[in-house]
C-alpha atoms as a PDB file:
ATOM      1  CA  UNK A   1     -10.746 -36.973  81.865  1.00  0.00           C
ATOM      2  CA  UNK A   2     -12.522 -35.998  85.003  1.00  0.00           C
ATOM      3  CA  UNK A   3      -9.216 -36.107  86.816  1.00  0.00           C
ATOM      4  CA  UNK A   4      -8.713 -32.611  85.237  1.00  0.00           C
ATOM      5  CA  UNK A   5     -11.053 -31.358  87.810  1.00  0.00           C
ATOM      6  CA  UNK A   6      -8.322 -32.293  90.640  1.00  0.00           C
ATOM      7  CA  UNK A   7      -5.304 -31.732  88.579  1.00  0.00           C
ATOM      8  CA  UNK A   8      -5.812 -29.525  85.470  1.00  0.00           C
ATOM      9  CA  UNK A   9      -4.385 -30.940  82.017  1.00  0.00           C
ATOM     10  CA  UNK A  10      -1.345 -28.640  80.950  1.00  0.00           C
ATOM     11  CA  UNK A  11       0.421 -29.013  77.629  1.00  0.00           C
ATOM     12  CA  UNK A  12       3.625 -27.384  78.701  1.00  0.00           C
ATOM     13  CA  UNK A  13       5.700 -24.733  76.947  1.00  0.00           C
ATOM     14  CA  UNK A  14       8.278 -27.090  75.553  1.00  0.00           C
ATOM     15  CA  UNK A  15       5.805 -29.113  73.612  1.00  0.00           C
ATOM     16  CA  UNK A  16       5.412 -28.819  69.994  1.00  0.00           C
ATOM     17  CA  UNK A  17       2.386 -27.149  68.447  1.00  0.00           C
ATOM     18  CA  UNK A  18      -0.826 -29.100  67.862  1.00  0.00           C
ATOM     19  CA  UNK A  19      -0.139 -31.161  64.714  1.00  0.00           C
ATOM     20  CA  UNK A  20      -2.984 -33.437  63.719  1.00  0.00           C
ATOM     21  CA  UNK A  21      -4.560 -32.806  60.459  1.00  0.00           C
ATOM     22  CA  UNK A  22      -7.660 -33.775  59.018  1.00  0.00           C
ATOM     23  CA  UNK A  23      -6.191 -37.250  57.999  1.00  0.00           C
ATOM     24  CA  UNK A  24      -5.989 -38.151  61.512  1.00  0.00           C
ATOM     25  CA  UNK A  25      -9.319 -36.733  62.545  1.00  0.00           C
ATOM     26  CA  UNK A  26     -10.963 -38.651  59.730  1.00  0.00           C
ATOM     27  CA  UNK A  27      -9.172 -41.860  60.703  1.00  0.00           C
ATOM     28  CA  UNK A  28     -10.147 -41.644  64.390  1.00  0.00           C
ATOM     29  CA  UNK A  29     -13.808 -40.820  63.722  1.00  0.00           C
ATOM     30  CA  UNK A  30     -14.106 -43.581  61.200  1.00  0.00           C
ATOM     31  CA  UNK A  31     -12.729 -45.896  63.502  1.00  0.00           C
ATOM     32  CA  UNK A  32     -15.152 -45.137  66.204  1.00  0.00           C
ATOM     33  CA  UNK A  33     -17.994 -45.404  63.641  1.00  0.00           C
ATOM     34  CA  UNK A  34     -16.693 -48.773  62.512  1.00  0.00           C
ATOM     35  CA  UNK A  35     -16.438 -50.008  66.136  1.00  0.00           C
ATOM     36  CA  UNK A  36     -20.085 -48.704  66.819  1.00  0.00           C
ATOM     37  CA  UNK A  37     -21.499 -50.283  63.930  1.00  0.00           C
ATOM     38  CA  UNK A  38     -19.748 -53.802  64.368  1.00  0.00           C
ATOM     39  CA  UNK A  39     -21.661 -53.719  67.694  1.00  0.00           C
ATOM     40  CA  UNK A  40     -18.360 -54.544  69.438  1.00  0.00           C
ATOM     41  CA  UNK A  41     -18.599 -55.201  73.133  1.00  0.00           C
ATOM     42  CA  UNK A  42     -14.862 -55.257  73.906  1.00  0.00           C
ATOM     43  CA  UNK A  43     -13.279 -51.862  74.659  1.00  0.00           C
ATOM     44  CA  UNK A  44     -11.754 -49.296  72.130  1.00  0.00           C
ATOM     45  CA  UNK A  45      -8.184 -48.440  73.080  1.00  0.00           C
ATOM     46  CA  UNK A  46      -7.311 -44.930  72.309  1.00  0.00           C
ATOM     47  CA  UNK A  47      -3.569 -44.991  73.491  1.00  0.00           C
ATOM     48  CA  UNK A  48      -1.711 -43.685  76.537  1.00  0.00           C
ATOM     49  CA  UNK A  49      -1.384 -40.314  77.985  1.00  0.00           C
ATOM     50  CA  UNK A  50       1.936 -39.970  80.004  1.00  0.00           C
ATOM     51  CA  UNK A  51       2.010 -37.081  82.504  1.00  0.00           C
ATOM     52  CA  UNK A  52       3.450 -36.055  85.882  1.00  0.00           C
ATOM     53  CA  UNK A  53       2.023 -33.886  88.543  1.00  0.00           C
ATOM     54  CA  UNK A  54       3.607 -30.261  88.691  1.00  0.00           C
ATOM     55  CA  UNK A  55       2.297 -27.857  91.110  1.00  0.00           C
ATOM     56  CA  UNK A  56      -1.021 -29.579  91.363  1.00  0.00           C
ATOM     57  CA  UNK A  57      -1.421 -29.658  87.791  1.00  0.00           C
ATOM     58  CA  UNK A  58      -0.918 -32.692  85.053  1.00  0.00           C
ATOM     59  CA  UNK A  59       1.746 -31.834  82.796  1.00  0.00           C
ATOM     60  CA  UNK A  60       1.540 -33.878  79.625  1.00  0.00           C
ATOM     61  CA  UNK A  61       4.751 -35.531  78.368  1.00  0.00           C
ATOM     62  CA  UNK A  62       3.152 -37.731  75.559  1.00  0.00           C
ATOM     63  CA  UNK A  63      -0.282 -37.909  74.150  1.00  0.00           C
ATOM     64  CA  UNK A  64      -0.918 -34.444  73.712  1.00  0.00           C
ATOM     65  CA  UNK A  65      -2.215 -34.682  70.067  1.00  0.00           C
ATOM     66  CA  UNK A  66      -4.450 -37.343  71.101  1.00  0.00           C
ATOM     67  CA  UNK A  67      -5.913 -35.826  74.257  1.00  0.00           C
ATOM     68  CA  UNK A  68      -6.341 -32.255  72.472  1.00  0.00           C
ATOM     69  CA  UNK A  69      -8.163 -34.053  69.566  1.00  0.00           C
ATOM     70  CA  UNK A  70     -10.515 -35.885  72.197  1.00  0.00           C
ATOM     71  CA  UNK A  71     -11.393 -32.674  73.812  1.00  0.00           C
ATOM     72  CA  UNK A  72     -12.123 -31.165  70.346  1.00  0.00           C
ATOM     73  CA  UNK A  73     -14.348 -34.295  69.574  1.00  0.00           C
ATOM     74  CA  UNK A  74     -16.195 -34.192  72.834  1.00  0.00           C
ATOM     75  CA  UNK A  75     -16.768 -30.484  72.500  1.00  0.00           C
ATOM     76  CA  UNK A  76     -18.279 -30.849  68.899  1.00  0.00           C
ATOM     77  CA  UNK A  77     -20.502 -33.692  70.243  1.00  0.00           C
ATOM     78  CA  UNK A  78     -21.589 -31.449  72.977  1.00  0.00           C
ATOM     79  CA  UNK A  79     -22.406 -28.683  70.502  1.00  0.00           C
ATOM     80  CA  UNK A  80     -24.549 -31.015  68.622  1.00  0.00           C
ATOM     81  CA  UNK A  81     -26.462 -32.237  71.652  1.00  0.00           C
ATOM     82  CA  UNK A  82     -27.171 -28.669  72.579  1.00  0.00           C
ATOM     83  CA  UNK A  83     -28.934 -28.110  69.229  1.00  0.00           C
ATOM     84  CA  UNK A  84     -31.270 -31.017  69.941  1.00  0.00           C
ATOM     85  CA  UNK A  85     -34.639 -31.472  71.667  1.00  0.00           C
ATOM     86  CA  UNK A  86     -33.527 -32.394  75.202  1.00  0.00           C
ATOM     87  CA  UNK A  87     -34.436 -36.051  75.551  1.00  0.00           C
ATOM     88  CA  UNK A  88     -33.277 -38.305  78.541  1.00  0.00           C
ATOM     89  CA  UNK A  89     -30.441 -39.504  76.140  1.00  0.00           C
ATOM     90  CA  UNK A  90     -29.333 -35.963  75.214  1.00  0.00           C
ATOM     91  CA  UNK A  91     -29.299 -34.803  78.910  1.00  0.00           C
ATOM     92  CA  UNK A  92     -27.480 -38.006  80.137  1.00  0.00           C
ATOM     93  CA  UNK A  93     -24.698 -37.402  77.435  1.00  0.00           C
ATOM     94  CA  UNK A  94     -24.402 -33.721  78.144  1.00  0.00           C
ATOM     95  CA  UNK A  95     -23.984 -34.490  81.654  1.00  0.00           C
ATOM     96  CA  UNK A  96     -21.167 -36.868  81.042  1.00  0.00           C
ATOM     97  CA  UNK A  97     -19.304 -34.477  78.683  1.00  0.00           C
ATOM     98  CA  UNK A  98     -19.620 -31.576  80.951  1.00  0.00           C
ATOM     99  CA  UNK A  99     -17.940 -33.586  83.838  1.00  0.00           C
ATOM    100  CA  UNK A 100     -14.895 -34.182  81.061  1.00  0.00           C
ATOM    101  CA  UNK A 101     -14.565 -30.821  79.727  1.00  0.00           C
ATOM    102  CA  UNK A 102     -15.395 -28.314  82.480  1.00  0.00           C
ATOM    103  CA  UNK A 103     -14.978 -27.342  86.005  1.00  0.00           C
ATOM    104  CA  UNK A 104     -18.207 -27.822  88.293  1.00  0.00           C
ATOM    105  CA  UNK A 105     -19.509 -26.817  91.335  1.00  0.00           C
ATOM    106  CA  UNK A 106     -18.875 -29.924  93.704  1.00  0.00           C
ATOM    107  CA  UNK A 107     -22.350 -29.335  95.428  1.00  0.00           C
ATOM    108  CA  UNK A 108     -24.642 -28.321  92.649  1.00  0.00           C
ATOM    109  CA  UNK A 109     -22.812 -29.571  89.657  1.00  0.00           C
ATOM    110  CA  UNK A 110     -23.291 -26.094  87.897  1.00  0.00           C
ATOM    111  CA  UNK A 111     -20.851 -25.914  85.075  1.00  0.00           C
ATOM    112  CA  UNK A 112     -18.486 -22.954  84.652  1.00  0.00           C
ATOM    113  CA  UNK A 113     -18.094 -23.038  81.014  1.00  0.00           C
ATOM    114  CA  UNK A 114     -15.181 -20.357  81.136  1.00  0.00           C
ATOM    115  CA  UNK A 115     -12.918 -23.034  83.037  1.00  0.00           C
ATOM    116  CA  UNK A 116     -11.828 -26.051  80.929  1.00  0.00           C
ATOM    117  CA  UNK A 117      -9.888 -28.948  82.368  1.00  0.00           C
ATOM    118  CA  UNK A 118      -7.162 -28.432  79.846  1.00  0.00           C
ATOM    119  CA  UNK A 119      -4.763 -25.664  78.826  1.00  0.00           C
ATOM    120  CA  UNK A 120      -2.162 -25.244  76.276  1.00  0.00           C
ATOM    121  CA  UNK A 121       0.829 -23.120  77.056  1.00  0.00           C
ATOM    122  CA  UNK A 122       3.012 -23.965  74.092  1.00  0.00           C
ATOM    123  CA  UNK A 123       5.750 -21.460  73.450  1.00  0.00           C
ATOM    124  CA  UNK A 124       4.773 -18.845  70.753  1.00  0.00           C
ATOM    125  CA  UNK A 125       1.828 -20.599  69.701  1.00  0.00           C
ATOM    126  CA  UNK A 126      -1.332 -18.382  69.002  1.00  0.00           C
ATOM    127  CA  UNK A 127      -3.145 -21.687  68.759  1.00  0.00           C
ATOM    128  CA  UNK A 128      -3.249 -21.733  72.684  1.00  0.00           C
ATOM    129  CA  UNK A 129      -5.897 -18.951  72.838  1.00  0.00           C
ATOM    130  CA  UNK A 130      -7.645 -20.512  69.990  1.00  0.00           C
ATOM    131  CA  UNK A 131      -8.072 -23.777  71.613  1.00  0.00           C
ATOM    132  CA  UNK A 132      -9.310 -22.177  74.776  1.00  0.00           C
ATOM    133  CA  UNK A 133     -12.096 -20.108  72.779  1.00  0.00           C
ATOM    134  CA  UNK A 134     -13.331 -23.340  70.857  1.00  0.00           C
ATOM    135  CA  UNK A 135     -13.860 -25.100  74.157  1.00  0.00           C
ATOM    136  CA  UNK A 136     -15.408 -22.352  75.800  1.00  0.00           C
ATOM    137  CA  UNK A 137     -17.771 -21.035  72.925  1.00  0.00           C
ATOM    138  CA  UNK A 138     -18.035 -24.073  70.611  1.00  0.00           C
ATOM    139  CA  UNK A 139     -17.312 -22.024  67.709  1.00  0.00           C
ATOM    140  CA  UNK A 140     -14.600 -21.213  65.364  1.00  0.00           C
ATOM    141  CA  UNK A 141     -13.680 -17.746  63.821  1.00  0.00           C
ATOM    142  CA  UNK A 142     -14.828 -17.548  60.204  1.00  0.00           C
ATOM    143  CA  UNK A 143     -11.713 -18.111  57.872  1.00  0.00           C
ATOM    144  CA  UNK A 144      -9.493 -19.768  60.476  1.00  0.00           C
ATOM    145  CA  UNK A 145      -6.944 -22.049  59.132  1.00  0.00           C
ATOM    146  CA  UNK A 146      -5.269 -23.471  62.232  1.00  0.00           C
ATOM    147  CA  UNK A 147      -5.474 -27.076  63.074  1.00  0.00           C
ATOM    148  CA  UNK A 148      -7.527 -26.354  66.218  1.00  0.00           C
ATOM    149  CA  UNK A 149     -10.113 -24.727  64.078  1.00  0.00           C
ATOM    150  CA  UNK A 150      -9.871 -27.035  60.943  1.00  0.00           C
ATOM    151  CA  UNK A 151     -10.113 -30.171  63.197  1.00  0.00           C
ATOM    152  CA  UNK A 152     -12.987 -28.987  65.330  1.00  0.00           C
ATOM    153  CA  UNK A 153     -14.900 -27.827  62.145  1.00  0.00           C
ATOM    154  CA  UNK A 154     -14.152 -31.317  60.518  1.00  0.00           C
ATOM    155  CA  UNK A 155     -15.426 -33.140  63.646  1.00  0.00           C
ATOM    156  CA  UNK A 156     -18.613 -30.867  63.759  1.00  0.00           C
ATOM    157  CA  UNK A 157     -19.241 -31.717  59.975  1.00  0.00           C
ATOM    158  CA  UNK A 158     -18.762 -35.366  60.519  1.00  0.00           C
ATOM    159  CA  UNK A 159     -21.004 -35.694  63.463  1.00  0.00           C
ATOM    160  CA  UNK A 160     -23.711 -33.659  61.900  1.00  0.00           C
ATOM    161  CA  UNK A 161     -23.559 -35.953  58.834  1.00  0.00           C
ATOM    162  CA  UNK A 162     -23.548 -39.153  61.224  1.00  0.00           C
ATOM    163  CA  UNK A 163     -26.438 -37.812  63.387  1.00  0.00           C
ATOM    164  CA  UNK A 164     -28.512 -37.313  60.159  1.00  0.00           C
ATOM    165  CA  UNK A 165     -27.891 -40.477  58.387  1.00  0.00           C
ATOM    166  CA  UNK A 166     -27.729 -42.646  61.265  1.00  0.00           C
ATOM    167  CA  UNK A 167     -30.029 -41.246  63.742  1.00  0.00           C
ATOM    168  CA  UNK A 168     -30.336 -44.409  65.834  1.00  0.00           C
ATOM    169  CA  UNK A 169     -26.619 -45.388  66.010  1.00  0.00           C
ATOM    170  CA  UNK A 170     -25.725 -41.850  66.889  1.00  0.00           C
ATOM    171  CA  UNK A 171     -26.415 -42.135  70.514  1.00  0.00           C
ATOM    172  CA  UNK A 172     -24.602 -45.455  70.585  1.00  0.00           C
ATOM    173  CA  UNK A 173     -21.560 -43.564  68.899  1.00  0.00           C
ATOM    174  CA  UNK A 174     -21.527 -41.141  71.775  1.00  0.00           C
ATOM    175  CA  UNK A 175     -22.088 -43.868  74.489  1.00  0.00           C
ATOM    176  CA  UNK A 176     -18.999 -45.741  73.071  1.00  0.00           C
ATOM    177  CA  UNK A 177     -16.891 -42.500  72.998  1.00  0.00           C
ATOM    178  CA  UNK A 178     -17.785 -41.758  76.490  1.00  0.00           C
ATOM    179  CA  UNK A 179     -17.972 -45.253  78.105  1.00  0.00           C
ATOM    180  CA  UNK A 180     -16.087 -47.766  75.843  1.00  0.00           C
ATOM    181  CA  UNK A 181     -13.087 -45.838  74.604  1.00  0.00           C
ATOM    182  CA  UNK A 182     -10.149 -46.501  76.942  1.00  0.00           C
ATOM    183  CA  UNK A 183      -7.346 -43.669  77.467  1.00  0.00           C
ATOM    184  CA  UNK A 184      -4.594 -45.150  79.473  1.00  0.00           C
ATOM    185  CA  UNK A 185      -3.088 -42.711  81.899  1.00  0.00           C
ATOM    186  CA  UNK A 186       0.470 -43.195  82.831  1.00  0.00           C
ATOM    187  CA  UNK A 187       1.101 -40.946  85.785  1.00  0.00           C
ATOM    188  CA  UNK A 188       4.880 -40.581  86.631  1.00  0.00           C
ATOM    189  CA  UNK A 189       6.319 -39.311  89.958  1.00  0.00           C
ATOM    190  CA  UNK A 190       8.616 -36.946  88.238  1.00  0.00           C
ATOM    191  CA  UNK A 191       9.464 -35.100  85.040  1.00  0.00           C
ATOM    192  CA  UNK A 192      12.714 -37.283  84.663  1.00  0.00           C
ATOM    193  CA  UNK A 193      10.601 -40.541  84.981  1.00  0.00           C
ATOM    194  CA  UNK A 194       7.837 -39.151  82.431  1.00  0.00           C
ATOM    195  CA  UNK A 195      10.522 -38.498  79.979  1.00  0.00           C
ATOM    196  CA  UNK A 196      12.057 -41.962  80.446  1.00  0.00           C
ATOM    197  CA  UNK A 197       8.716 -43.378  79.850  1.00  0.00           C
ATOM    198  CA  UNK A 198       8.004 -41.309  76.707  1.00  0.00           C
ATOM    199  CA  UNK A 199      11.450 -42.436  75.463  1.00  0.00           C
ATOM    200  CA  UNK A 200      10.623 -46.062  75.984  1.00  0.00           C
ATOM    201  CA  UNK A 201       7.333 -45.950  74.437  1.00  0.00           C
ATOM    202  CA  UNK A 202       8.472 -43.931  71.374  1.00  0.00           C
ATOM    203  CA  UNK A 203      12.234 -44.670  70.731  1.00  0.00           C
ATOM    204  CA  UNK A 204      13.008 -48.238  71.434  1.00  0.00           C
ATOM    205  CA  UNK A 205      12.642 -50.216  68.263  1.00  0.00           C
ATOM    206  CA  UNK A 206       9.259 -51.024  66.834  1.00  0.00           C
ATOM    207  CA  UNK A 207       6.229 -49.326  68.391  1.00  0.00           C
ATOM    208  CA  UNK A 208       4.315 -51.148  71.000  1.00  0.00           C
ATOM    209  CA  UNK A 209       1.176 -52.937  69.655  1.00  0.00           C
ATOM    210  CA  UNK A 210      -2.125 -52.845  71.831  1.00  0.00           C
ATOM    211  CA  UNK A 211      -1.556 -56.258  73.108  1.00  0.00           C
ATOM    212  CA  UNK A 212       1.985 -55.307  74.197  1.00  0.00           C
ATOM    213  CA  UNK A 213       0.598 -52.249  76.087  1.00  0.00           C
END
């Protein structure tokens, strides 16, 4: 995700609105918990992100639901860490998450929390602004029912519960999200190529298994 510092992630106008619900969020979190509790040393494959460089930005063709949810997960983890006493572990993980979510000064590493590494420009979607506000502030508006707010709130609830019930495993869960989960980037040389890859991954017969990929 740190490549967003060089080429910002853009969810373009023609993409559909963010559609993941609590079902997908719950499944993702439970999978990461199971992976952590099994003390699995192999990597955890999150899937692919198909994009192409357009005016010095990474325009996402496929994987926008996944990468959006991952940004929400990291932001909710960061908010939890922010509320904790700053131990060496907390400081370490906060630094790693900052590098994945926000722009930083190249010399001082000072974080600009107003400048996120992802932006949604989906046509006629009020959620674009909501997504940006969540990443900047780490809060949701009271009574908000959109998917960004609902999923962020669910992540926050799941993380709070896990940190309370499994305080020793909590830091290992964060370590696995940051260092053991693999998100495979496929950077195409043009929009046409990216769309061809998208079609191949999604439309040709059976979906590819992790082993196929």
